[in-house]
C-alpha atoms as a PDB file:
ATOM      1  CA  MET A   1     -25.039  12.356 -45.701  1.00  0.00           C
ATOM      2  CA  TRP A   2     -24.331   9.135 -44.474  1.00  0.00           C
ATOM      3  CA  LEU A   3     -20.562  10.483 -44.271  1.00  0.00           C
ATOM      4  CA  VAL A   4     -21.891  12.968 -41.775  1.00  0.00           C
ATOM      5  CA  PHE A   5     -23.314  10.159 -39.289  1.00  0.00           C
ATOM      6  CA  VAL A   6     -20.360   8.464 -39.777  1.00  0.00           C
ATOM      7  CA  LEU A   7     -18.119  11.588 -38.767  1.00  0.00           C
ATOM      8  CA  VAL A   8     -20.724  12.380 -35.542  1.00  0.00           C
ATOM      9  CA  ALA A   9     -20.798   8.871 -34.699  1.00  0.00           C
ATOM     10  CA  LEU A  10     -16.381   8.564 -34.524  1.00  0.00           C
ATOM     11  CA  LEU A  11     -16.715  11.931 -32.907  1.00  0.00           C
ATOM     12  CA  ILE A  12     -19.156  10.407 -30.094  1.00  0.00           C
ATOM     13  CA  LEU A  13     -16.915   7.411 -30.031  1.00  0.00           C
ATOM     14  CA  ALA A  14     -14.002   9.294 -29.427  1.00  0.00           C
ATOM     15  CA  VAL A  15     -15.613  11.864 -26.605  1.00  0.00           C
ATOM     16  CA  LEU A  16     -16.964   8.387 -25.135  1.00  0.00           C
ATOM     17  CA  TRP A  17     -13.355   6.906 -25.170  1.00  0.00           C
ATOM     18  CA  LEU A  18     -11.836   9.998 -24.226  1.00  0.00           C
ATOM     19  CA  GLY A  19     -14.306  10.606 -20.964  1.00  0.00           C
ATOM     20  CA  LEU A  20     -13.524   6.802 -20.038  1.00  0.00           C
ATOM     21  CA  SER A  21      -9.842   6.918 -20.052  1.00  0.00           C
ATOM     22  CA  PHE A  22      -9.727  10.408 -18.201  1.00  0.00           C
ATOM     23  CA  ASN A  23     -11.977   8.713 -15.507  1.00  0.00           C
ATOM     24  CA  GLY A  24      -9.956   5.591 -15.629  1.00  0.00           C
ATOM     25  CA  LEU A  25      -6.940   7.208 -14.756  1.00  0.00           C
ATOM     26  CA  VAL A  26      -8.224   9.225 -12.284  1.00  0.00           C
ATOM     27  CA  ALA A  27      -9.534   6.523 -10.424  1.00  0.00           C
ATOM     28  CA  ARG A  28      -6.370   4.891 -10.665  1.00  0.00           C
ATOM     29  CA  ARG A  29      -4.096   8.107  -9.275  1.00  0.00           C
ATOM     30  CA  ASN A  30      -7.163   8.050  -6.455  1.00  0.00           C
ATOM     31  CA  ARG A  31      -6.286   4.805  -5.139  1.00  0.00           C
ATOM     32  CA  ALA A  32      -2.690   5.115  -5.112  1.00  0.00           C
ATOM     33  CA  GLN A  33      -3.123   7.910  -2.997  1.00  0.00           C
ATOM     34  CA  SER A  34      -5.396   6.539  -0.800  1.00  0.00           C
ATOM     35  CA  SER A  35      -2.911   3.635  -0.691  1.00  0.00           C
ATOM     36  CA  TRP A  36      -0.654   5.960   0.468  1.00  0.00           C
ATOM     37  CA  ALA A  37      -2.299   7.525   2.721  1.00  0.00           C
ATOM     38  CA  GLN A  38      -2.650   3.766   4.627  1.00  0.00           C
ATOM     39  CA  ILE A  39       1.154   3.472   4.722  1.00  0.00           C
ATOM     40  CA  ASP A  40       1.096   6.959   6.323  1.00  0.00           C
ATOM     41  CA  VAL A  41      -0.871   5.667   9.037  1.00  0.00           C
ATOM     42  CA  GLN A  42       0.994   2.756   9.869  1.00  0.00           C
ATOM     43  CA  LEU A  43       3.967   4.790   9.469  1.00  0.00           C
ATOM     44  CA  GLU A  44       2.570   6.819  12.226  1.00  0.00           C
ATOM     45  CA  GLN A  45       2.044   4.427  14.416  1.00  0.00           C
ATOM     46  CA  ARG A  46       5.604   3.113  14.035  1.00  0.00           C
ATOM     47  CA  HIS A  47       6.761   6.715  14.955  1.00  0.00           C
ATOM     48  CA  ASP A  48       4.226   6.556  17.973  1.00  0.00           C
ATOM     49  CA  LEU A  49       6.230   3.600  19.358  1.00  0.00           C
ATOM     50  CA  VAL A  50       9.635   4.372  18.890  1.00  0.00           C
ATOM     51  CA  PRO A  51      10.142   7.496  21.730  1.00  0.00           C
ATOM     52  CA  ASN A  52       8.373   4.457  24.164  1.00  0.00           C
ATOM     53  CA  LEU A  53      10.741   1.854  23.095  1.00  0.00           C
ATOM     54  CA  VAL A  54      14.188   4.564  23.633  1.00  0.00           C
ATOM     55  CA  ALA A  55      12.274   5.531  26.996  1.00  0.00           C
ATOM     56  CA  THR A  56      12.118   1.685  27.669  1.00  0.00           C
ATOM     57  CA  VAL A  57      15.313   0.827  27.156  1.00  0.00           C
ATOM     58  CA  LYS A  58      17.000   4.106  28.249  1.00  0.00           C
ATOM     59  CA  GLY A  59      15.747   2.904  31.664  1.00  0.00           C
ATOM     60  CA  TYR A  60      17.861  -0.052  31.604  1.00  0.00           C
ATOM     61  CA  ALA A  61      20.934   1.556  29.772  1.00  0.00           C
ATOM     62  CA  GLU A  62      21.296   4.735  30.698  1.00  0.00           C
ATOM     63  CA  HIS A  63      25.415   4.660  29.291  1.00  0.00           C
ATOM     64  CA  GLU A  64      23.810   4.103  25.888  1.00  0.00           C
ATOM     65  CA  ARG A  65      23.049   7.870  25.535  1.00  0.00           C
ATOM     66  CA  ASP A  66      24.639   7.771  21.564  1.00  0.00           C
ATOM     67  CA  THR A  67      21.804   4.830  20.235  1.00  0.00           C
ATOM     68  CA  PHE A  68      18.804   6.955  21.888  1.00  0.00           C
ATOM     69  CA  GLU A  69      19.619  10.112  20.410  1.00  0.00           C
ATOM     70  CA  GLN A  70      20.543   8.604  16.958  1.00  0.00           C
ATOM     71  CA  VAL A  71      17.309   6.951  17.198  1.00  0.00           C
ATOM     72  CA  ALA A  72      15.225   9.841  18.108  1.00  0.00           C
ATOM     73  CA  ASP A  73      17.100  12.093  14.974  1.00  0.00           C
ATOM     74  CA  LEU A  74      16.227   9.345  12.749  1.00  0.00           C
ATOM     75  CA  ARG A  75      12.665   9.300  13.555  1.00  0.00           C
ATOM     76  CA  THR A  76      12.582  12.845  13.302  1.00  0.00           C
ATOM     77  CA  GLN A  77      14.063  12.383   9.795  1.00  0.00           C
ATOM     78  CA  ALA A  78      11.466  10.215   8.927  1.00  0.00           C
ATOM     79  CA  VAL A  79       8.367  12.014  10.197  1.00  0.00           C
ATOM     80  CA  GLN A  80       9.862  15.329   8.055  1.00  0.00           C
ATOM     81  CA  ALA A  81      10.330  12.341   4.989  1.00  0.00           C
ATOM     82  CA  GLN A  82       7.017  11.493   4.708  1.00  0.00           C
ATOM     83  CA  ALA A  83       5.968  14.667   3.402  1.00  0.00           C
ATOM     84  CA  SER A  84       8.426  14.436   0.275  1.00  0.00           C
ATOM     85  CA  GLY A  85       7.018  11.149  -1.231  1.00  0.00           C
ATOM     86  CA  PRO A  86       7.560   7.813  -1.044  1.00  0.00           C
ATOM     87  CA  ALA A  87      11.136   7.726  -2.266  1.00  0.00           C
ATOM     88  CA  ALA A  88      12.313   9.805   0.247  1.00  0.00           C
ATOM     89  CA  ALA A  89      10.058   8.229   3.038  1.00  0.00           C
ATOM     90  CA  GLY A  90      11.419   4.798   2.128  1.00  0.00           C
ATOM     91  CA  ARG A  91      15.238   6.035   2.514  1.00  0.00           C
ATOM     92  CA  ALA A  92      14.393   7.821   6.094  1.00  0.00           C
ATOM     93  CA  GLU A  93      11.919   4.727   6.842  1.00  0.00           C
ATOM     94  CA  GLY A  94      14.837   2.145   6.486  1.00  0.00           C
ATOM     95  CA  ALA A  95      17.356   4.107   8.153  1.00  0.00           C
ATOM     96  CA  LEU A  96      14.812   4.454  11.266  1.00  0.00           C
ATOM     97  CA  VAL A  97      14.629   0.597  11.284  1.00  0.00           C
ATOM     98  CA  SER A  98      18.054   0.114  10.790  1.00  0.00           C
ATOM     99  CA  GLY A  99      18.148   2.269  14.167  1.00  0.00           C
ATOM    100  CA  ILE A 100      15.324   0.410  15.852  1.00  0.00           C
ATOM    101  CA  GLY A 101      17.550  -2.771  15.327  1.00  0.00           C
ATOM    102  CA  ARG A 102      20.706  -1.174  17.077  1.00  0.00           C
ATOM    103  CA  LEU A 103      17.572  -0.123  19.932  1.00  0.00           C
ATOM    104  CA  PHE A 104      17.236  -3.913  19.715  1.00  0.00           C
ATOM    105  CA  ALA A 105      20.818  -4.867  19.729  1.00  0.00           C
ATOM    106  CA  VAL A 106      21.485  -2.428  23.113  1.00  0.00           C
ATOM    107  CA  ALA A 107      18.508  -4.255  24.822  1.00  0.00           C
ATOM    108  CA  GLU A 108      19.935  -7.916  23.703  1.00  0.00           C
ATOM    109  CA  ALA A 109      23.012  -7.464  26.747  1.00  0.00           C
ATOM    110  CA  TYR A 110      20.641  -6.521  29.666  1.00  0.00           C
ATOM    111  CA  PRO A 111      18.486  -9.762  30.365  1.00  0.00           C
ATOM    112  CA  GLU A 112      16.354  -7.899  33.076  1.00  0.00           C
ATOM    113  CA  LEU A 113      15.113  -5.584  30.079  1.00  0.00           C
ATOM    114  CA  ARG A 114      14.189  -8.342  27.504  1.00  0.00           C
ATOM    115  CA  ALA A 115      12.062  -9.724  30.597  1.00  0.00           C
ATOM    116  CA  SER A 116      10.612  -6.300  31.097  1.00  0.00           C
ATOM    117  CA  GLU A 117       6.547  -6.745  30.045  1.00  0.00           C
ATOM    118  CA  GLN A 118       6.574  -3.207  28.709  1.00  0.00           C
ATOM    119  CA  PHE A 119       9.041  -3.813  26.563  1.00  0.00           C
ATOM    120  CA  ARG A 120       7.842  -7.114  25.211  1.00  0.00           C
ATOM    121  CA  GLN A 121       4.670  -5.542  24.619  1.00  0.00           C
ATOM    122  CA  LEU A 122       6.419  -2.679  22.866  1.00  0.00           C
ATOM    123  CA  GLN A 123       8.128  -5.815  20.982  1.00  0.00           C
ATOM    124  CA  GLN A 124       4.687  -6.835  19.941  1.00  0.00           C
ATOM    125  CA  GLN A 125       3.648  -3.739  18.577  1.00  0.00           C
ATOM    126  CA  LEU A 126       6.279  -2.794  16.650  1.00  0.00           C
ATOM    127  CA  ALA A 127       6.287  -6.321  15.055  1.00  0.00           C
ATOM    128  CA  ALA A 128       2.473  -5.731  14.017  1.00  0.00           C
ATOM    129  CA  VAL A 129       3.258  -2.632  12.906  1.00  0.00           C
ATOM    130  CA  GLU A 130       5.813  -3.859  10.764  1.00  0.00           C
ATOM    131  CA  GLN A 131       3.971  -6.547   9.477  1.00  0.00           C
ATOM    132  CA  LYS A 132       0.995  -3.721   8.474  1.00  0.00           C
ATOM    133  CA  ILE A 133       3.707  -1.883   7.010  1.00  0.00           C
ATOM    134  CA  ALA A 134       4.756  -4.513   4.696  1.00  0.00           C
ATOM    135  CA  ILE A 135       1.070  -5.314   3.899  1.00  0.00           C
ATOM    136  CA  ALA A 136       0.331  -1.532   3.068  1.00  0.00           C
ATOM    137  CA  ARG A 137       3.593  -1.241   0.715  1.00  0.00           C
ATOM    138  CA  GLN A 138       2.816  -4.425  -1.088  1.00  0.00           C
ATOM    139  CA  ILE A 139      -0.687  -2.823  -1.879  1.00  0.00           C
ATOM    140  CA  TYR A 140       0.373   0.828  -2.556  1.00  0.00           C
ATOM    141  CA  ASN A 141       3.551  -0.529  -4.855  1.00  0.00           C
ATOM    142  CA  ASP A 142       0.819  -3.131  -6.612  1.00  0.00           C
ATOM    143  CA  THR A 143      -1.671   0.049  -7.072  1.00  0.00           C
ATOM    144  CA  VAL A 144       1.292   2.455  -8.680  1.00  0.00           C
ATOM    145  CA  ALA A 145       2.357  -0.350 -10.833  1.00  0.00           C
ATOM    146  CA  THR A 146      -1.351  -0.958 -12.297  1.00  0.00           C
ATOM    147  CA  TYR A 147      -1.547   3.675 -12.550  1.00  0.00           C
ATOM    148  CA  ASN A 148       1.718   3.901 -13.644  1.00  0.00           C
ATOM    149  CA  THR A 149       1.347   1.078 -16.556  1.00  0.00           C
ATOM    150  CA  SER A 150      -2.175   2.631 -17.431  1.00  0.00           C
ATOM    151  CA  ILE A 151      -0.766   5.956 -18.202  1.00  0.00           C
ATOM    152  CA  GLN A 152       2.471   4.563 -20.272  1.00  0.00           C
ATOM    153  CA  ARG A 153      -0.348   2.556 -22.460  1.00  0.00           C
ATOM    154  CA  PHE A 154      -1.288   3.149 -25.982  1.00  0.00           C
ATOM    155  CA  PRO A 155      -3.749   4.855 -26.841  1.00  0.00           C
ATOM    156  CA  THR A 156      -4.452   6.067 -23.079  1.00  0.00           C
ATOM    157  CA  LEU A 157      -1.015   7.534 -23.138  1.00  0.00           C
ATOM    158  CA  LEU A 158      -1.981  10.148 -25.905  1.00  0.00           C
ATOM    159  CA  ILE A 159      -4.218  11.974 -23.270  1.00  0.00           C
ATOM    160  CA  ALA A 160      -2.671  11.195 -19.744  1.00  0.00           C
ATOM    161  CA  GLY A 161       0.579  13.613 -20.401  1.00  0.00           C
ATOM    162  CA  PRO A 162      -1.648  16.329 -22.013  1.00  0.00           C
ATOM    163  CA  MET A 163      -3.711  15.840 -18.748  1.00  0.00           C
ATOM    164  CA  GLY A 164      -1.319  16.055 -15.983  1.00  0.00           C
ATOM    165  CA  PHE A 165      -1.059  12.644 -15.141  1.00  0.00           C
ATOM    166  CA  LYS A 166       2.560  11.968 -13.968  1.00  0.00           C
ATOM    167  CA  ALA A 167       3.808   8.434 -12.904  1.00  0.00           C
ATOM    168  CA  MET A 168       4.206   7.781  -9.193  1.00  0.00           C
ATOM    169  CA  GLU A 169       7.105   7.135  -7.226  1.00  0.00           C
ATOM    170  CA  PHE A 170       6.957   3.378  -5.421  1.00  0.00           C
ATOM    171  CA  PHE A 171       7.794   2.987  -1.670  1.00  0.00           C
ATOM    172  CA  GLN A 172      11.115   1.305  -1.627  1.00  0.00           C
ATOM    173  CA  ALA A 173      11.976  -1.176   1.500  1.00  0.00           C
ATOM    174  CA  GLY A 174      15.227   0.125   3.200  1.00  0.00           C
ATOM    175  CA  ALA A 175      17.858  -1.689   4.088  1.00  0.00           C
ATOM    176  CA  GLY A 176      16.885  -4.348   6.797  1.00  0.00           C
ATOM    177  CA  ASP A 177      13.202  -2.697   6.276  1.00  0.00           C
ATOM    178  CA  ASP A 178      11.232  -5.756   4.787  1.00  0.00           C
ATOM    179  CA  ALA A 179      11.388  -7.726   7.701  1.00  0.00           C
ATOM    180  CA  VAL A 180      10.972  -7.350  11.869  1.00  0.00           C
ATOM    181  CA  PRO A 181      13.731  -6.059  13.656  1.00  0.00           C
ATOM    182  CA  SER A 182      15.349  -8.999  14.515  1.00  0.00           C
ATOM    183  CA  ALA A 183      15.155  -8.952  18.494  1.00  0.00           C
ATOM    184  CA  ALA A 184      10.970  -8.425  17.838  1.00  0.00           C
ATOM    185  CA  VAL A 185       8.691 -10.718  19.770  1.00  0.00           C
ATOM    186  CA  GLN A 186      10.351 -13.785  22.221  1.00  0.00           C
END
């Protein structure tokens, strides 16, 4: 009789542990996905600023057509890469930031452009967006690290794989993507 009670108690504890573990993994995964959505919002803001920046610089430096076209292409690639996940988005965003840096380098050759109120406002907006992206990237990567750790720890790993919990990708900064472009905000 006591054996039956012990077995029922162990079964109840196992089901309780299973439910709590599953719910914890779902909550961590949802937080990581929500954090990615916040990065997505900030990346969209960056993408929205690029055409205005290109148009402003183009008004002063028309003969730099290759640079403008390249930045526009990099923006398009970055927008498309967002759907491919954090790793692909990170690479594309790194390339875009490098292109924006080249655009600022072009602007350095035109003092009247740097003195333009519109250009300064765009620089300030871009600097603010870059800071928000850096913060959102840190939050996302911390959340993903917590989630990935939880699916790899014993005993939770016993249910994580069979229940479809997979490790998530980190959003890595591309080359030069860890700081605001050098000509920003003067």
